[in-house]
């Protein structure tokens, strides 16, 4: 996947953190308070997966098994190894990025026979680990190829190769769907739904309001039209940069990690010198911090958001206080950091 700039544009997240100026509710160098919330089912599930870091498993060995469940929209599922008691509860989670496939949006289907390795992923600063399936293929190492078969069963408007133009009306990246307004109505429809798995680019690409896109149209059993294989005009694949309408600012900056969630692949950076950032970036970051402060009533820090894909080396280990250099950008969703590198 392409490395580069990224931003998580939920108001909740973009408002989190931040150091501010002017208003007494936003102060520099003051860590915001953390409010503990009741654990939800997802958190409890994660806790139940935690293992000792020395859990005994051969990470180089290939295993065979079947797919128990896979959510194509959310991009994850569970595999059942043929070997009993290989992993706790005889199930191991798999993420779509670990599927060896040339499909636009790699996925698995329940009951599919597969081959894979099991990797230990460190969590909680390496004090524990979780298990994940990686290098997932068909038995014998053949890549997983399910897209063509799935597309053969579709009903296309104007044929499979027909392409249409439109503008993104709105798109919710976290929920994985949105709507596109067609330039020219088709079959009495001037607005169609787009699902995450139909957005080109191979990852959860955000689509900003007003973005011009090209796409095909398919019809479901109820006769409703939806978009498929959404690209930029001309067929160019979407990227996080184009989907967010990012504009990179000149210069390189330094700071330190305020917080990083390895599992969530996101974090915040405290700049060493806030005043060195471009004026429009300063303004955007302060506004984000102020919104968070207004919402929580807590003092916050002015921080720059980044994702793992914003790191020059996504394998680097980050923790609070890690010194980094970075670039900054403005986008439709706010300011953020990219090209993050440890020093």
C-alpha atoms as a PDB file:
ATOM      1  CA  UNK A   1       0.000   0.000   0.000  1.00  0.00           C
ATOM      2  CA  UNK A   2       1.195   3.458  -0.771  1.00  0.00           C
ATOM      3  CA  UNK A   3       2.860   5.257   2.037  1.00  0.00           C
ATOM      4  CA  UNK A   4       2.096   8.885   2.459  1.00  0.00           C
ATOM      5  CA  UNK A   5      -0.102  11.349   4.144  1.00  0.00           C
ATOM      6  CA  UNK A   6      -3.319  10.383   5.809  1.00  0.00           C
ATOM      7  CA  UNK A   7      -5.880  11.801   8.146  1.00  0.00           C
ATOM      8  CA  UNK A   8      -8.622  10.417  10.252  1.00  0.00           C
ATOM      9  CA  UNK A   9     -11.355  12.960   9.790  1.00  0.00           C
ATOM     10  CA  UNK A  10     -13.932  12.054  12.405  1.00  0.00           C
ATOM     11  CA  UNK A  11     -14.658  15.175  14.455  1.00  0.00           C
ATOM     12  CA  UNK A  12     -14.243  13.108  17.591  1.00  0.00           C
ATOM     13  CA  UNK A  13     -10.749  12.104  16.672  1.00  0.00           C
ATOM     14  CA  UNK A  14      -9.592  15.237  14.917  1.00  0.00           C
ATOM     15  CA  UNK A  15     -10.715  17.231  17.911  1.00  0.00           C
ATOM     16  CA  UNK A  16      -8.864  14.955  20.321  1.00  0.00           C
ATOM     17  CA  UNK A  17      -5.587  16.215  21.630  1.00  0.00           C
ATOM     18  CA  UNK A  18      -4.304  19.610  20.684  1.00  0.00           C
ATOM     19  CA  UNK A  19      -2.493  22.494  22.256  1.00  0.00           C
ATOM     20  CA  UNK A  20      -4.124  25.826  21.966  1.00  0.00           C
ATOM     21  CA  UNK A  21      -3.652  29.530  22.196  1.00  0.00           C
ATOM     22  CA  UNK A  22      -5.732  32.442  23.284  1.00  0.00           C
ATOM     23  CA  UNK A  23      -8.576  30.614  24.999  1.00  0.00           C
ATOM     24  CA  UNK A  24      -8.023  29.546  28.603  1.00  0.00           C
ATOM     25  CA  UNK A  25      -9.582  26.131  27.941  1.00  0.00           C
ATOM     26  CA  UNK A  26      -6.710  25.181  25.616  1.00  0.00           C
ATOM     27  CA  UNK A  27      -3.206  25.351  27.129  1.00  0.00           C
ATOM     28  CA  UNK A  28       0.137  24.273  25.777  1.00  0.00           C
ATOM     29  CA  UNK A  29       1.996  21.475  27.440  1.00  0.00           C
ATOM     30  CA  UNK A  30      -0.956  20.258  29.496  1.00  0.00           C
ATOM     31  CA  UNK A  31      -1.989  16.665  28.954  1.00  0.00           C
ATOM     32  CA  UNK A  32      -5.733  16.198  28.760  1.00  0.00           C
ATOM     33  CA  UNK A  33      -7.416  14.013  31.336  1.00  0.00           C
ATOM     34  CA  UNK A  34      -8.421  10.498  30.319  1.00  0.00           C
ATOM     35  CA  UNK A  35     -11.955   9.451  31.178  1.00  0.00           C
ATOM     36  CA  UNK A  36     -12.375   5.716  31.487  1.00  0.00           C
ATOM     37  CA  UNK A  37     -15.470   4.310  29.830  1.00  0.00           C
ATOM     38  CA  UNK A  38     -17.189   0.947  30.297  1.00  0.00           C
ATOM     39  CA  UNK A  39     -15.665  -1.655  28.019  1.00  0.00           C
ATOM     40  CA  UNK A  40     -17.666  -2.613  24.990  1.00  0.00           C
ATOM     41  CA  UNK A  41     -17.818  -6.075  23.473  1.00  0.00           C
ATOM     42  CA  UNK A  42     -14.984  -5.313  21.054  1.00  0.00           C
ATOM     43  CA  UNK A  43     -12.689  -4.293  23.908  1.00  0.00           C
ATOM     44  CA  UNK A  44     -13.598  -7.403  25.878  1.00  0.00           C
ATOM     45  CA  UNK A  45     -12.913  -9.555  22.807  1.00  0.00           C
ATOM     46  CA  UNK A  46      -9.512  -7.954  22.384  1.00  0.00           C
ATOM     47  CA  UNK A  47      -8.651  -8.557  26.032  1.00  0.00           C
ATOM     48  CA  UNK A  48      -9.567 -12.220  25.667  1.00  0.00           C
ATOM     49  CA  UNK A  49      -7.042 -12.533  22.800  1.00  0.00           C
ATOM     50  CA  UNK A  50      -4.073 -11.355  24.848  1.00  0.00           C
ATOM     51  CA  UNK A  51      -1.302 -13.904  25.258  1.00  0.00           C
ATOM     52  CA  UNK A  52       2.129 -14.115  26.834  1.00  0.00           C
ATOM     53  CA  UNK A  53       4.799 -12.727  24.457  1.00  0.00           C
ATOM     54  CA  UNK A  54       6.630 -16.081  24.602  1.00  0.00           C
ATOM     55  CA  UNK A  55       3.559 -18.025  23.420  1.00  0.00           C
ATOM     56  CA  UNK A  56       4.946 -21.017  21.550  1.00  0.00           C
ATOM     57  CA  UNK A  57       4.130 -21.094  17.849  1.00  0.00           C
ATOM     58  CA  UNK A  58       6.297 -21.500  14.762  1.00  0.00           C
ATOM     59  CA  UNK A  59       5.729 -18.287  12.807  1.00  0.00           C
ATOM     60  CA  UNK A  60       7.502 -19.673   9.724  1.00  0.00           C
ATOM     61  CA  UNK A  61       5.333 -22.784   9.381  1.00  0.00           C
ATOM     62  CA  UNK A  62       2.485 -22.931   6.868  1.00  0.00           C
ATOM     63  CA  UNK A  63      -0.870 -24.225   8.080  1.00  0.00           C
ATOM     64  CA  UNK A  64      -4.032 -25.176   6.261  1.00  0.00           C
ATOM     65  CA  UNK A  65      -7.603 -24.549   7.290  1.00  0.00           C
ATOM     66  CA  UNK A  66     -10.926 -23.020   6.293  1.00  0.00           C
ATOM     67  CA  UNK A  67     -12.550 -19.628   6.513  1.00  0.00           C
ATOM     68  CA  UNK A  68     -15.053 -19.519   9.355  1.00  0.00           C
ATOM     69  CA  UNK A  69     -16.346 -15.997   8.693  1.00  0.00           C
ATOM     70  CA  UNK A  70     -15.312 -12.917   6.725  1.00  0.00           C
ATOM     71  CA  UNK A  71     -16.881  -9.447   6.650  1.00  0.00           C
ATOM     72  CA  UNK A  72     -16.026  -8.024   3.227  1.00  0.00           C
ATOM     73  CA  UNK A  73     -17.169  -4.505   4.055  1.00  0.00           C
ATOM     74  CA  UNK A  74     -15.098  -4.264   7.243  1.00  0.00           C
ATOM     75  CA  UNK A  75     -12.230  -6.304   5.828  1.00  0.00           C
ATOM     76  CA  UNK A  76     -11.629  -8.928   8.497  1.00  0.00           C
ATOM     77  CA  UNK A  77     -12.669 -12.416   9.508  1.00  0.00           C
ATOM     78  CA  UNK A  78     -11.588 -15.622  11.220  1.00  0.00           C
ATOM     79  CA  UNK A  79      -9.834 -18.779  10.057  1.00  0.00           C
ATOM     80  CA  UNK A  80     -10.103 -22.247  11.577  1.00  0.00           C
ATOM     81  CA  UNK A  81      -6.841 -24.244  11.328  1.00  0.00           C
ATOM     82  CA  UNK A  82      -7.026 -27.924  10.449  1.00  0.00           C
ATOM     83  CA  UNK A  83      -4.641 -28.555  13.354  1.00  0.00           C
ATOM     84  CA  UNK A  84      -6.585 -28.740  16.615  1.00  0.00           C
ATOM     85  CA  UNK A  85      -5.488 -26.462  19.469  1.00  0.00           C
ATOM     86  CA  UNK A  86      -2.992 -24.613  17.309  1.00  0.00           C
ATOM     87  CA  UNK A  87      -4.440 -21.312  18.552  1.00  0.00           C
ATOM     88  CA  UNK A  88      -6.769 -20.446  21.459  1.00  0.00           C
ATOM     89  CA  UNK A  89     -10.411 -21.292  20.710  1.00  0.00           C
ATOM     90  CA  UNK A  90      -9.160 -22.787  17.425  1.00  0.00           C
ATOM     91  CA  UNK A  91      -9.715 -19.504  15.554  1.00  0.00           C
ATOM     92  CA  UNK A  92      -7.322 -16.822  14.350  1.00  0.00           C
ATOM     93  CA  UNK A  93      -8.224 -13.399  13.016  1.00  0.00           C
ATOM     94  CA  UNK A  94      -7.235 -12.293   9.508  1.00  0.00           C
ATOM     95  CA  UNK A  95      -7.190  -8.800   7.989  1.00  0.00           C
ATOM     96  CA  UNK A  96      -7.722  -8.241   4.276  1.00  0.00           C
ATOM     97  CA  UNK A  97      -4.214  -6.800   3.895  1.00  0.00           C
ATOM     98  CA  UNK A  98      -2.813 -10.243   4.705  1.00  0.00           C
ATOM     99  CA  UNK A  99      -4.622 -11.932   1.812  1.00  0.00           C
ATOM    100  CA  UNK A 100      -2.347 -12.685  -1.141  1.00  0.00           C
ATOM    101  CA  UNK A 101      -4.551 -11.501  -3.991  1.00  0.00           C
ATOM    102  CA  UNK A 102      -4.704  -9.320  -7.101  1.00  0.00           C
ATOM    103  CA  UNK A 103      -8.384  -8.525  -6.513  1.00  0.00           C
ATOM    104  CA  UNK A 104      -9.192  -4.824  -6.155  1.00  0.00           C
ATOM    105  CA  UNK A 105     -10.539  -5.458  -2.655  1.00  0.00           C
ATOM    106  CA  UNK A 106      -9.239  -8.836  -1.408  1.00  0.00           C
ATOM    107  CA  UNK A 107     -11.795 -10.908   0.494  1.00  0.00           C
ATOM    108  CA  UNK A 108     -12.583 -14.456   1.622  1.00  0.00           C
ATOM    109  CA  UNK A 109     -15.758 -16.509   1.735  1.00  0.00           C
ATOM    110  CA  UNK A 110     -16.977 -18.856   4.457  1.00  0.00           C
ATOM    111  CA  UNK A 111     -15.817 -22.430   3.960  1.00  0.00           C
ATOM    112  CA  UNK A 112     -12.999 -21.510   1.562  1.00  0.00           C
ATOM    113  CA  UNK A 113      -9.931 -23.733   1.980  1.00  0.00           C
ATOM    114  CA  UNK A 114      -6.819 -21.669   2.641  1.00  0.00           C
ATOM    115  CA  UNK A 115      -3.170 -21.805   3.703  1.00  0.00           C
ATOM    116  CA  UNK A 116      -1.499 -19.333   6.036  1.00  0.00           C
ATOM    117  CA  UNK A 117       1.067 -18.544   8.710  1.00  0.00           C
ATOM    118  CA  UNK A 118       0.414 -17.283  12.229  1.00  0.00           C
ATOM    119  CA  UNK A 119       2.218 -14.188  13.459  1.00  0.00           C
ATOM    120  CA  UNK A 120       2.584 -12.881  17.004  1.00  0.00           C
ATOM    121  CA  UNK A 121       1.791  -9.159  17.124  1.00  0.00           C
ATOM    122  CA  UNK A 122       3.176  -7.310  20.188  1.00  0.00           C
ATOM    123  CA  UNK A 123       0.713  -5.158  22.147  1.00  0.00           C
ATOM    124  CA  UNK A 124       0.796  -3.258  25.424  1.00  0.00           C
ATOM    125  CA  UNK A 125       4.421  -2.148  24.883  1.00  0.00           C
ATOM    126  CA  UNK A 126       5.460  -5.721  24.129  1.00  0.00           C
ATOM    127  CA  UNK A 127       4.241  -7.099  27.439  1.00  0.00           C
ATOM    128  CA  UNK A 128       1.655  -9.256  25.684  1.00  0.00           C
ATOM    129  CA  UNK A 129       0.812 -10.352  22.154  1.00  0.00           C
ATOM    130  CA  UNK A 130      -2.103 -11.334  19.933  1.00  0.00           C
ATOM    131  CA  UNK A 131      -2.147 -13.817  17.060  1.00  0.00           C
ATOM    132  CA  UNK A 132      -2.978 -12.926  13.477  1.00  0.00           C
ATOM    133  CA  UNK A 133      -3.072 -14.934  10.248  1.00  0.00           C
ATOM    134  CA  UNK A 134      -0.664 -13.638   7.586  1.00  0.00           C
ATOM    135  CA  UNK A 135       0.398 -14.574   4.040  1.00  0.00           C
ATOM    136  CA  UNK A 136      -3.021 -16.100   3.368  1.00  0.00           C
ATOM    137  CA  UNK A 137      -3.256 -18.060   0.094  1.00  0.00           C
ATOM    138  CA  UNK A 138      -5.146 -20.981  -1.389  1.00  0.00           C
ATOM    139  CA  UNK A 139      -3.621 -24.398  -0.577  1.00  0.00           C
ATOM    140  CA  UNK A 140      -0.280 -24.775  -2.333  1.00  0.00           C
ATOM    141  CA  UNK A 141       0.423 -21.041  -2.314  1.00  0.00           C
ATOM    142  CA  UNK A 142      -1.931 -19.994  -5.112  1.00  0.00           C
ATOM    143  CA  UNK A 143      -3.231 -16.453  -4.683  1.00  0.00           C
ATOM    144  CA  UNK A 144      -6.830 -15.892  -3.660  1.00  0.00           C
ATOM    145  CA  UNK A 145      -8.869 -14.799  -6.705  1.00  0.00           C
ATOM    146  CA  UNK A 146     -12.581 -14.377  -6.056  1.00  0.00           C
ATOM    147  CA  UNK A 147     -13.350 -11.036  -7.710  1.00  0.00           C
ATOM    148  CA  UNK A 148     -13.931 -12.240 -11.277  1.00  0.00           C
ATOM    149  CA  UNK A 149     -16.360 -14.969 -10.217  1.00  0.00           C
ATOM    150  CA  UNK A 150     -18.300 -12.529  -8.045  1.00  0.00           C
ATOM    151  CA  UNK A 151     -18.494  -9.945 -10.838  1.00  0.00           C
ATOM    152  CA  UNK A 152     -19.809 -12.474 -13.351  1.00  0.00           C
ATOM    153  CA  UNK A 153     -22.966 -12.733 -11.264  1.00  0.00           C
ATOM    154  CA  UNK A 154     -23.703  -9.009 -11.418  1.00  0.00           C
ATOM    155  CA  UNK A 155     -26.149  -7.162 -13.661  1.00  0.00           C
ATOM    156  CA  UNK A 156     -24.418  -4.165 -15.235  1.00  0.00           C
ATOM    157  CA  UNK A 157     -26.009  -0.971 -16.514  1.00  0.00           C
ATOM    158  CA  UNK A 158     -24.766  -0.395 -20.054  1.00  0.00           C
ATOM    159  CA  UNK A 159     -22.380  -3.341 -19.837  1.00  0.00           C
ATOM    160  CA  UNK A 160     -19.450  -4.190 -17.595  1.00  0.00           C
ATOM    161  CA  UNK A 161     -17.090  -1.757 -19.316  1.00  0.00           C
ATOM    162  CA  UNK A 162     -19.501   1.211 -19.300  1.00  0.00           C
ATOM    163  CA  UNK A 163     -18.272   4.136 -17.190  1.00  0.00           C
ATOM    164  CA  UNK A 164     -20.135   7.100 -15.737  1.00  0.00           C
ATOM    165  CA  UNK A 165     -19.154  10.384 -14.124  1.00  0.00           C
ATOM    166  CA  UNK A 166     -20.374  11.958 -10.919  1.00  0.00           C
ATOM    167  CA  UNK A 167     -19.606  13.912  -7.764  1.00  0.00           C
ATOM    168  CA  UNK A 168     -19.342  12.577  -4.223  1.00  0.00           C
ATOM    169  CA  UNK A 169     -22.353  13.880  -2.285  1.00  0.00           C
ATOM    170  CA  UNK A 170     -21.085  12.508   1.019  1.00  0.00           C
ATOM    171  CA  UNK A 171     -19.048   9.558   2.219  1.00  0.00           C
ATOM    172  CA  UNK A 172     -18.557   8.144   5.726  1.00  0.00           C
ATOM    173  CA  UNK A 173     -15.189   6.395   5.833  1.00  0.00           C
ATOM    174  CA  UNK A 174     -15.729   4.706   9.193  1.00  0.00           C
ATOM    175  CA  UNK A 175     -19.083   3.241   8.184  1.00  0.00           C
ATOM    176  CA  UNK A 176     -17.785   2.459   4.704  1.00  0.00           C
ATOM    177  CA  UNK A 177     -20.433   3.913   2.422  1.00  0.00           C
ATOM    178  CA  UNK A 178     -21.773   7.104   0.897  1.00  0.00           C
ATOM    179  CA  UNK A 179     -23.557   8.525  -2.150  1.00  0.00           C
ATOM    180  CA  UNK A 180     -22.542   9.848  -5.561  1.00  0.00           C
ATOM    181  CA  UNK A 181     -24.581  12.303  -7.628  1.00  0.00           C
ATOM    182  CA  UNK A 182     -24.512  11.287 -11.309  1.00  0.00           C
ATOM    183  CA  UNK A 183     -23.711  13.874 -13.965  1.00  0.00           C
ATOM    184  CA  UNK A 184     -26.345  12.216 -16.159  1.00  0.00           C
ATOM    185  CA  UNK A 185     -29.241  10.314 -14.599  1.00  0.00           C
ATOM    186  CA  UNK A 186     -29.506   6.609 -15.463  1.00  0.00           C
ATOM    187  CA  UNK A 187     -32.789   4.692 -15.479  1.00  0.00           C
ATOM    188  CA  UNK A 188     -34.462   7.535 -13.612  1.00  0.00           C
ATOM    189  CA  UNK A 189     -31.747   7.610 -10.912  1.00  0.00           C
ATOM    190  CA  UNK A 190     -29.504  10.610 -10.320  1.00  0.00           C
ATOM    191  CA  UNK A 191     -27.914   9.405  -7.076  1.00  0.00           C
ATOM    192  CA  UNK A 192     -26.298   6.037  -6.284  1.00  0.00           C
ATOM    193  CA  UNK A 193     -24.783   4.420  -3.219  1.00  0.00           C
ATOM    194  CA  UNK A 194     -21.070   3.566  -3.100  1.00  0.00           C
ATOM    195  CA  UNK A 195     -19.679   0.971  -0.702  1.00  0.00           C
ATOM    196  CA  UNK A 196     -16.120   0.907   0.595  1.00  0.00           C
ATOM    197  CA  UNK A 197     -15.163  -2.270  -1.243  1.00  0.00           C
ATOM    198  CA  UNK A 198     -15.957  -0.613  -4.573  1.00  0.00           C
ATOM    199  CA  UNK A 199     -13.527   2.279  -4.040  1.00  0.00           C
ATOM    200  CA  UNK A 200     -10.271   1.690  -5.910  1.00  0.00           C
ATOM    201  CA  UNK A 201      -6.954   2.055  -4.141  1.00  0.00           C
ATOM    202  CA  UNK A 202      -6.854  -1.074  -2.004  1.00  0.00           C
ATOM    203  CA  UNK A 203      -7.560   0.505   1.373  1.00  0.00           C
ATOM    204  CA  UNK A 204     -10.182   2.486   3.267  1.00  0.00           C
ATOM    205  CA  UNK A 205      -9.857   5.604   1.103  1.00  0.00           C
ATOM    206  CA  UNK A 206     -11.766   8.683   2.277  1.00  0.00           C
ATOM    207  CA  UNK A 207     -13.820  10.542  -0.323  1.00  0.00           C
ATOM    208  CA  UNK A 208     -14.357  14.233   0.287  1.00  0.00           C
ATOM    209  CA  UNK A 209     -17.586  15.993  -0.607  1.00  0.00           C
ATOM    210  CA  UNK A 210     -17.461  17.347  -4.157  1.00  0.00           C
ATOM    211  CA  UNK A 211     -14.790  14.931  -5.401  1.00  0.00           C
ATOM    212  CA  UNK A 212     -15.185  14.126  -9.112  1.00  0.00           C
ATOM    213  CA  UNK A 213     -15.184  10.380  -9.729  1.00  0.00           C
ATOM    214  CA  UNK A 214     -15.668   7.794 -12.474  1.00  0.00           C
ATOM    215  CA  UNK A 215     -17.434   4.466 -11.933  1.00  0.00           C
ATOM    216  CA  UNK A 216     -19.506   1.623 -13.309  1.00  0.00           C
ATOM    217  CA  UNK A 217     -23.104   0.891 -12.360  1.00  0.00           C
ATOM    218  CA  UNK A 218     -24.666  -2.374 -11.220  1.00  0.00           C
ATOM    219  CA  UNK A 219     -28.257  -3.262 -10.440  1.00  0.00           C
ATOM    220  CA  UNK A 220     -29.257  -5.424  -7.474  1.00  0.00           C
ATOM    221  CA  UNK A 221     -32.202  -7.836  -7.294  1.00  0.00           C
ATOM    222  CA  UNK A 222     -34.497  -4.997  -6.232  1.00  0.00           C
ATOM    223  CA  UNK A 223     -33.495  -2.916  -9.246  1.00  0.00           C
ATOM    224  CA  UNK A 224     -31.501  -0.398  -7.212  1.00  0.00           C
ATOM    225  CA  UNK A 225     -28.406   1.036  -8.875  1.00  0.00           C
ATOM    226  CA  UNK A 226     -25.085   1.182  -7.025  1.00  0.00           C
ATOM    227  CA  UNK A 227     -21.570   2.250  -8.043  1.00  0.00           C
ATOM    228  CA  UNK A 228     -18.724  -0.182  -8.553  1.00  0.00           C
ATOM    229  CA  UNK A 229     -14.977   0.240  -9.201  1.00  0.00           C
ATOM    230  CA  UNK A 230     -14.917   3.930  -8.320  1.00  0.00           C
ATOM    231  CA  UNK A 231     -11.821   5.774  -9.595  1.00  0.00           C
ATOM    232  CA  UNK A 232     -10.681   9.265 -10.434  1.00  0.00           C
ATOM    233  CA  UNK A 233     -11.747  10.553 -13.880  1.00  0.00           C
ATOM    234  CA  UNK A 234      -9.808   8.680 -16.542  1.00  0.00           C
ATOM    235  CA  UNK A 235      -9.591   5.499 -14.476  1.00  0.00           C
ATOM    236  CA  UNK A 236      -6.726   6.552 -12.193  1.00  0.00           C
ATOM    237  CA  UNK A 237      -6.836   4.788  -8.829  1.00  0.00           C
ATOM    238  CA  UNK A 238      -7.865   6.818  -5.814  1.00  0.00           C
ATOM    239  CA  UNK A 239      -5.315   7.457  -3.072  1.00  0.00           C
ATOM    240  CA  UNK A 240      -5.636   8.853   0.410  1.00  0.00           C
ATOM    241  CA  UNK A 241      -4.072  12.059  -0.907  1.00  0.00           C
ATOM    242  CA  UNK A 242      -6.607  12.550  -3.705  1.00  0.00           C
ATOM    243  CA  UNK A 243      -9.537  11.369  -1.595  1.00  0.00           C
ATOM    244  CA  UNK A 244      -8.787  13.957   1.068  1.00  0.00           C
ATOM    245  CA  UNK A 245      -7.766  16.739  -1.340  1.00  0.00           C
ATOM    246  CA  UNK A 246      -4.511  17.087   0.565  1.00  0.00           C
ATOM    247  CA  UNK A 247      -2.117  19.988   0.009  1.00  0.00           C
ATOM    248  CA  UNK A 248       1.400  19.415   1.330  1.00  0.00           C
ATOM    249  CA  UNK A 249       3.081  22.378   3.027  1.00  0.00           C
ATOM    250  CA  UNK A 250       6.717  23.237   2.479  1.00  0.00           C
ATOM    251  CA  UNK A 251       9.317  22.319   5.073  1.00  0.00           C
ATOM    252  CA  UNK A 252      10.164  19.577   7.549  1.00  0.00           C
ATOM    253  CA  UNK A 253       9.414  19.808  11.249  1.00  0.00           C
ATOM    254  CA  UNK A 254      10.347  18.026  14.457  1.00  0.00           C
ATOM    255  CA  UNK A 255       8.449  16.924  17.522  1.00  0.00           C
ATOM    256  CA  UNK A 256       7.691  13.959  19.715  1.00  0.00           C
ATOM    257  CA  UNK A 257       5.011  11.319  19.947  1.00  0.00           C
ATOM    258  CA  UNK A 258       2.297  12.256  22.424  1.00  0.00           C
ATOM    259  CA  UNK A 259       0.357   9.007  21.917  1.00  0.00           C
ATOM    260  CA  UNK A 260       0.416   6.096  19.489  1.00  0.00           C
ATOM    261  CA  UNK A 261      -1.931   3.140  19.191  1.00  0.00           C
ATOM    262  CA  UNK A 262      -0.149   0.326  17.338  1.00  0.00           C
ATOM    263  CA  UNK A 263      -3.315  -1.737  17.020  1.00  0.00           C
ATOM    264  CA  UNK A 264      -5.368   1.220  15.807  1.00  0.00           C
ATOM    265  CA  UNK A 265      -2.461   2.413  13.610  1.00  0.00           C
ATOM    266  CA  UNK A 266      -2.828   6.065  14.574  1.00  0.00           C
ATOM    267  CA  UNK A 267      -1.333   8.649  16.880  1.00  0.00           C
ATOM    268  CA  UNK A 268      -0.567  12.287  17.701  1.00  0.00           C
ATOM    269  CA  UNK A 269       2.591  14.378  17.520  1.00  0.00           C
ATOM    270  CA  UNK A 270       3.465  17.390  19.689  1.00  0.00           C
ATOM    271  CA  UNK A 271       5.535  19.821  17.554  1.00  0.00           C
ATOM    272  CA  UNK A 272       8.777  21.066  19.123  1.00  0.00           C
ATOM    273  CA  UNK A 273       7.929  24.584  18.020  1.00  0.00           C
ATOM    274  CA  UNK A 274       4.295  25.179  17.153  1.00  0.00           C
ATOM    275  CA  UNK A 275       5.005  28.669  15.749  1.00  0.00           C
ATOM    276  CA  UNK A 276       7.231  27.204  13.011  1.00  0.00           C
ATOM    277  CA  UNK A 277       4.248  25.438  11.417  1.00  0.00           C
ATOM    278  CA  UNK A 278       2.533  27.228   8.506  1.00  0.00           C
ATOM    279  CA  UNK A 279      -0.047  29.723   9.707  1.00  0.00           C
ATOM    280  CA  UNK A 280      -3.006  27.894   8.141  1.00  0.00           C
ATOM    281  CA  UNK A 281      -1.899  24.610   9.746  1.00  0.00           C
ATOM    282  CA  UNK A 282      -1.571  26.316  13.139  1.00  0.00           C
ATOM    283  CA  UNK A 283      -5.074  27.713  12.786  1.00  0.00           C
ATOM    284  CA  UNK A 284      -6.554  24.356  11.780  1.00  0.00           C
ATOM    285  CA  UNK A 285      -4.868  22.425  14.600  1.00  0.00           C
ATOM    286  CA  UNK A 286      -5.925  25.012  17.180  1.00  0.00           C
ATOM    287  CA  UNK A 287      -9.532  24.906  15.967  1.00  0.00           C
ATOM    288  CA  UNK A 288      -9.525  21.117  16.269  1.00  0.00           C
ATOM    289  CA  UNK A 289      -8.142  21.337  19.783  1.00  0.00           C
ATOM    290  CA  UNK A 290     -10.645  24.012  20.737  1.00  0.00           C
ATOM    291  CA  UNK A 291     -13.575  21.895  19.562  1.00  0.00           C
ATOM    292  CA  UNK A 292     -12.346  19.044  21.726  1.00  0.00           C
ATOM    293  CA  UNK A 293     -11.855  21.334  24.720  1.00  0.00           C
ATOM    294  CA  UNK A 294     -15.325  22.834  24.280  1.00  0.00           C
ATOM    295  CA  UNK A 295     -16.848  19.365  24.071  1.00  0.00           C
ATOM    296  CA  UNK A 296     -15.073  17.815  27.057  1.00  0.00           C
ATOM    297  CA  UNK A 297     -14.362  20.798  29.273  1.00  0.00           C
ATOM    298  CA  UNK A 298     -10.798  19.484  29.570  1.00  0.00           C
ATOM    299  CA  UNK A 299      -7.525  21.223  28.813  1.00  0.00           C
ATOM    300  CA  UNK A 300      -5.916  19.795  25.691  1.00  0.00           C
ATOM    301  CA  UNK A 301      -2.699  19.779  23.687  1.00  0.00           C
ATOM    302  CA  UNK A 302      -2.205  21.105  20.172  1.00  0.00           C
ATOM    303  CA  UNK A 303      -1.190  17.921  18.365  1.00  0.00           C
ATOM    304  CA  UNK A 304      -0.974  16.733  14.774  1.00  0.00           C
ATOM    305  CA  UNK A 305      -2.783  13.532  13.851  1.00  0.00           C
ATOM    306  CA  UNK A 306      -1.127  10.817  11.758  1.00  0.00           C
ATOM    307  CA  UNK A 307      -1.732   7.234  10.710  1.00  0.00           C
ATOM    308  CA  UNK A 308       0.687   4.332  10.312  1.00  0.00           C
ATOM    309  CA  UNK A 309       0.481   4.842   6.543  1.00  0.00           C
ATOM    310  CA  UNK A 310       1.861   8.360   7.128  1.00  0.00           C
ATOM    311  CA  UNK A 311       5.134   6.868   8.398  1.00  0.00           C
ATOM    312  CA  UNK A 312       8.080   6.474   6.049  1.00  0.00           C
ATOM    313  CA  UNK A 313       8.755   3.142   7.767  1.00  0.00           C
ATOM    314  CA  UNK A 314       5.469   1.722   9.125  1.00  0.00           C
ATOM    315  CA  UNK A 315       7.401  -0.987  11.006  1.00  0.00           C
ATOM    316  CA  UNK A 316       9.083   1.540  13.313  1.00  0.00           C
ATOM    317  CA  UNK A 317       8.110   1.232  16.968  1.00  0.00           C
ATOM    318  CA  UNK A 318       6.663   4.404  18.438  1.00  0.00           C
ATOM    319  CA  UNK A 319       5.841   5.295  22.011  1.00  0.00           C
ATOM    320  CA  UNK A 320       5.199   8.439  24.027  1.00  0.00           C
ATOM    321  CA  UNK A 321       8.242  10.675  23.867  1.00  0.00           C
ATOM    322  CA  UNK A 322       9.748   9.171  20.695  1.00  0.00           C
ATOM    323  CA  UNK A 323      11.477  11.952  18.731  1.00  0.00           C
ATOM    324  CA  UNK A 324      10.325  12.298  15.116  1.00  0.00           C
ATOM    325  CA  UNK A 325      10.547  14.496  12.060  1.00  0.00           C
ATOM    326  CA  UNK A 326       7.536  15.036   9.804  1.00  0.00           C
ATOM    327  CA  UNK A 327       5.872  17.101   7.122  1.00  0.00           C
ATOM    328  CA  UNK A 328       2.437  18.703   7.424  1.00  0.00           C
ATOM    329  CA  UNK A 329      -0.541  19.139   5.132  1.00  0.00           C
ATOM    330  CA  UNK A 330      -3.964  20.705   4.922  1.00  0.00           C
ATOM    331  CA  UNK A 331      -6.902  18.726   3.597  1.00  0.00           C
ATOM    332  CA  UNK A 332     -10.659  18.821   3.252  1.00  0.00           C
ATOM    333  CA  UNK A 333     -10.788  17.201   6.701  1.00  0.00           C
ATOM    334  CA  UNK A 334      -8.183  19.312   8.504  1.00  0.00           C
ATOM    335  CA  UNK A 335      -4.437  19.419   9.094  1.00  0.00           C
ATOM    336  CA  UNK A 336      -2.199  16.452   9.860  1.00  0.00           C
ATOM    337  CA  UNK A 337       1.332  15.059   9.789  1.00  0.00           C
ATOM    338  CA  UNK A 338       2.888  12.788   7.176  1.00  0.00           C
ATOM    339  CA  UNK A 339       6.303  11.412   6.170  1.00  0.00           C
ATOM    340  CA  UNK A 340       6.826  10.688   9.873  1.00  0.00           C
ATOM    341  CA  UNK A 341      10.283   9.316  10.729  1.00  0.00           C
ATOM    342  CA  UNK A 342      12.056   8.608  14.015  1.00  0.00           C
ATOM    343  CA  UNK A 343      15.307  10.475  14.735  1.00  0.00           C
END
